[in-house]
C-alpha atoms as a PDB file:
ATOM      1  CA  MET A   1       0.471  -2.271  -1.445  1.00  0.00           C
ATOM      2  CA  VAL A   2       4.043  -3.458  -1.050  1.00  0.00           C
ATOM      3  CA  TYR A   3       6.997  -1.583  -2.485  1.00  0.00           C
ATOM      4  CA  ASP A   4      10.867  -2.045  -2.802  1.00  0.00           C
ATOM      5  CA  VAL A   5      12.287   1.379  -3.997  1.00  0.00           C
ATOM      6  CA  GLY A   6      15.472   3.175  -3.836  1.00  0.00           C
ATOM      7  CA  VAL A   7      16.388   4.311  -0.295  1.00  0.00           C
ATOM      8  CA  GLU A   8      16.002   7.959  -1.315  1.00  0.00           C
ATOM      9  CA  ARG A   9      12.434   7.421  -2.308  1.00  0.00           C
ATOM     10  CA  VAL A  10      11.217   5.275   0.508  1.00  0.00           C
ATOM     11  CA  VAL A  11      10.001   8.039   2.719  1.00  0.00           C
ATOM     12  CA  ARG A  12       8.090   9.739  -0.271  1.00  0.00           C
ATOM     13  CA  VAL A  13       6.523   6.537  -1.396  1.00  0.00           C
ATOM     14  CA  LEU A  14       5.344   5.830   2.169  1.00  0.00           C
ATOM     15  CA  GLN A  15       3.884   9.251   2.492  1.00  0.00           C
ATOM     16  CA  VAL A  16       2.004   8.941  -0.673  1.00  0.00           C
ATOM     17  CA  GLY A  17       0.597   5.443   0.458  1.00  0.00           C
ATOM     18  CA  ARG A  18      -0.286   6.627   3.886  1.00  0.00           C
ATOM     19  CA  ARG A  19      -2.756   9.106   2.389  1.00  0.00           C
ATOM     20  CA  TYR A  20      -4.819   6.391   1.239  1.00  0.00           C
ATOM     21  CA  LEU A  21      -3.935   3.248   3.275  1.00  0.00           C
ATOM     22  CA  THR A  22      -2.790   2.031   6.679  1.00  0.00           C
ATOM     23  CA  TRP A  23       1.015   1.324   7.297  1.00  0.00           C
ATOM     24  CA  VAL A  24       1.137  -2.285   8.761  1.00  0.00           C
ATOM     25  CA  GLN A  25       4.853  -3.119   8.272  1.00  0.00           C
ATOM     26  CA  ASN A  26       7.925  -1.860   6.735  1.00  0.00           C
ATOM     27  CA  SER A  27       7.096  -1.290   3.063  1.00  0.00           C
ATOM     28  CA  VAL A  28       3.503  -2.749   3.448  1.00  0.00           C
ATOM     29  CA  LEU A  29       0.262  -0.837   3.432  1.00  0.00           C
ATOM     30  CA  GLU A  30      -3.206  -2.154   3.580  1.00  0.00           C
ATOM     31  CA  GLY A  31      -6.738  -0.743   3.048  1.00  0.00           C
ATOM     32  CA  GLU A  32      -9.979  -0.442   1.083  1.00  0.00           C
ATOM     33  CA  LEU A  33      -9.976   2.096  -1.790  1.00  0.00           C
ATOM     34  CA  SER A  34     -12.692   3.177  -4.180  1.00  0.00           C
ATOM     35  CA  PRO A  35     -11.700   2.990  -7.927  1.00  0.00           C
ATOM     36  CA  ALA A  36     -11.166   6.669  -7.757  1.00  0.00           C
ATOM     37  CA  GLN A  37      -8.832   6.596  -4.966  1.00  0.00           C
ATOM     38  CA  LEU A  38      -6.903   3.741  -6.424  1.00  0.00           C
ATOM     39  CA  ALA A  39      -6.517   5.684  -9.747  1.00  0.00           C
ATOM     40  CA  ARG A  40      -5.319   8.794  -7.788  1.00  0.00           C
ATOM     41  CA  LEU A  41      -2.713   6.602  -5.605  1.00  0.00           C
ATOM     42  CA  LYS A  42      -1.343   5.218  -8.923  1.00  0.00           C
ATOM     43  CA  VAL A  43      -0.879   8.546 -10.409  1.00  0.00           C
ATOM     44  CA  GLU A  44       0.886   9.917  -7.148  1.00  0.00           C
ATOM     45  CA  LEU A  45       3.152   6.874  -7.065  1.00  0.00           C
ATOM     46  CA  ALA A  46       4.051   7.232 -10.675  1.00  0.00           C
ATOM     47  CA  LYS A  47       5.366  10.710 -10.132  1.00  0.00           C
ATOM     48  CA  VAL A  48       7.631   9.412  -7.229  1.00  0.00           C
ATOM     49  CA  ILE A  49       9.124   6.186  -8.387  1.00  0.00           C
ATOM     50  CA  GLU A  50      11.869   5.354 -10.903  1.00  0.00           C
ATOM     51  CA  PRO A  51      11.906   2.587 -13.565  1.00  0.00           C
ATOM     52  CA  THR A  52      14.237   0.391 -11.124  1.00  0.00           C
ATOM     53  CA  ASP A  53      11.607   0.604  -8.309  1.00  0.00           C
ATOM     54  CA  ALA A  54       8.824  -1.822  -7.736  1.00  0.00           C
ATOM     55  CA  VAL A  55       5.243  -1.280  -6.220  1.00  0.00           C
ATOM     56  CA  ARG A  56       2.753  -3.981  -5.940  1.00  0.00           C
ATOM     57  CA  LEU A  57      -1.042  -3.463  -5.510  1.00  0.00           C
ATOM     58  CA  TYR A  58      -2.965  -6.535  -4.500  1.00  0.00           C
ATOM     59  CA  LEU A  59      -6.568  -6.021  -5.518  1.00  0.00           C
ATOM     60  CA  PHE A  60      -9.350  -8.300  -4.358  1.00  0.00           C
ATOM     61  CA  SER A  61     -12.812  -8.314  -5.889  1.00  0.00           C
ATOM     62  CA  ASN A  62     -14.672  -9.151  -2.588  1.00  0.00           C
ATOM     63  CA  ARG A  63     -14.326  -9.715   1.042  1.00  0.00           C
ATOM     64  CA  GLU A  64     -14.446 -13.459   0.646  1.00  0.00           C
ATOM     65  CA  ALA A  65     -11.410 -13.461  -1.443  1.00  0.00           C
ATOM     66  CA  LEU A  66      -9.129 -12.066   1.314  1.00  0.00           C
ATOM     67  CA  ARG A  67      -7.632 -13.791   4.271  1.00  0.00           C
ATOM     68  CA  VAL A  68      -4.795 -12.442   6.369  1.00  0.00           C
ATOM     69  CA  GLU A  69      -2.780 -14.175   9.079  1.00  0.00           C
ATOM     70  CA  THR A  70      -0.298 -12.442  11.207  1.00  0.00           C
ATOM     71  CA  LEU A  71       2.406 -14.090  13.201  1.00  0.00           C
ATOM     72  CA  GLY A  72       4.406 -11.936  15.662  1.00  0.00           C
ATOM     73  CA  PHE A  73       3.972  -8.062  16.177  1.00  0.00           C
ATOM     74  CA  SER A  74       1.476  -6.187  14.125  1.00  0.00           C
ATOM     75  CA  LYS A  75       2.313  -2.529  13.543  1.00  0.00           C
ATOM     76  CA  GLY A  76      -1.287  -1.567  12.702  1.00  0.00           C
ATOM     77  CA  GLU A  77      -4.681  -2.848  12.266  1.00  0.00           C
ATOM     78  CA  PRO A  78      -6.249  -1.111   9.293  1.00  0.00           C
ATOM     79  CA  GLY A  79      -9.921  -0.290  10.204  1.00  0.00           C
ATOM     80  CA  GLN A  80     -11.029   0.482   6.787  1.00  0.00           C
ATOM     81  CA  PHE A  81      -9.713  -2.762   5.410  1.00  0.00           C
ATOM     82  CA  LEU A  82     -11.977  -5.255   3.795  1.00  0.00           C
END
């Protein structure tokens, strides 16, 4: 999940995201969610964001579809990430 929201909502969006995902960089969270968890995350985010905000969720159908490369400092390594 990546987000670009108004400064007054940044903390709240991060708090919602961290209930489900691992914070890895500013405005970036990663992790594996069940379909039910994903649905709850979307509902919670919809209550926090405004029409001018942007939240992107990247969904991968399987482990082989994902490849992550990090250059430089890594804030966190999500243990539950596929």
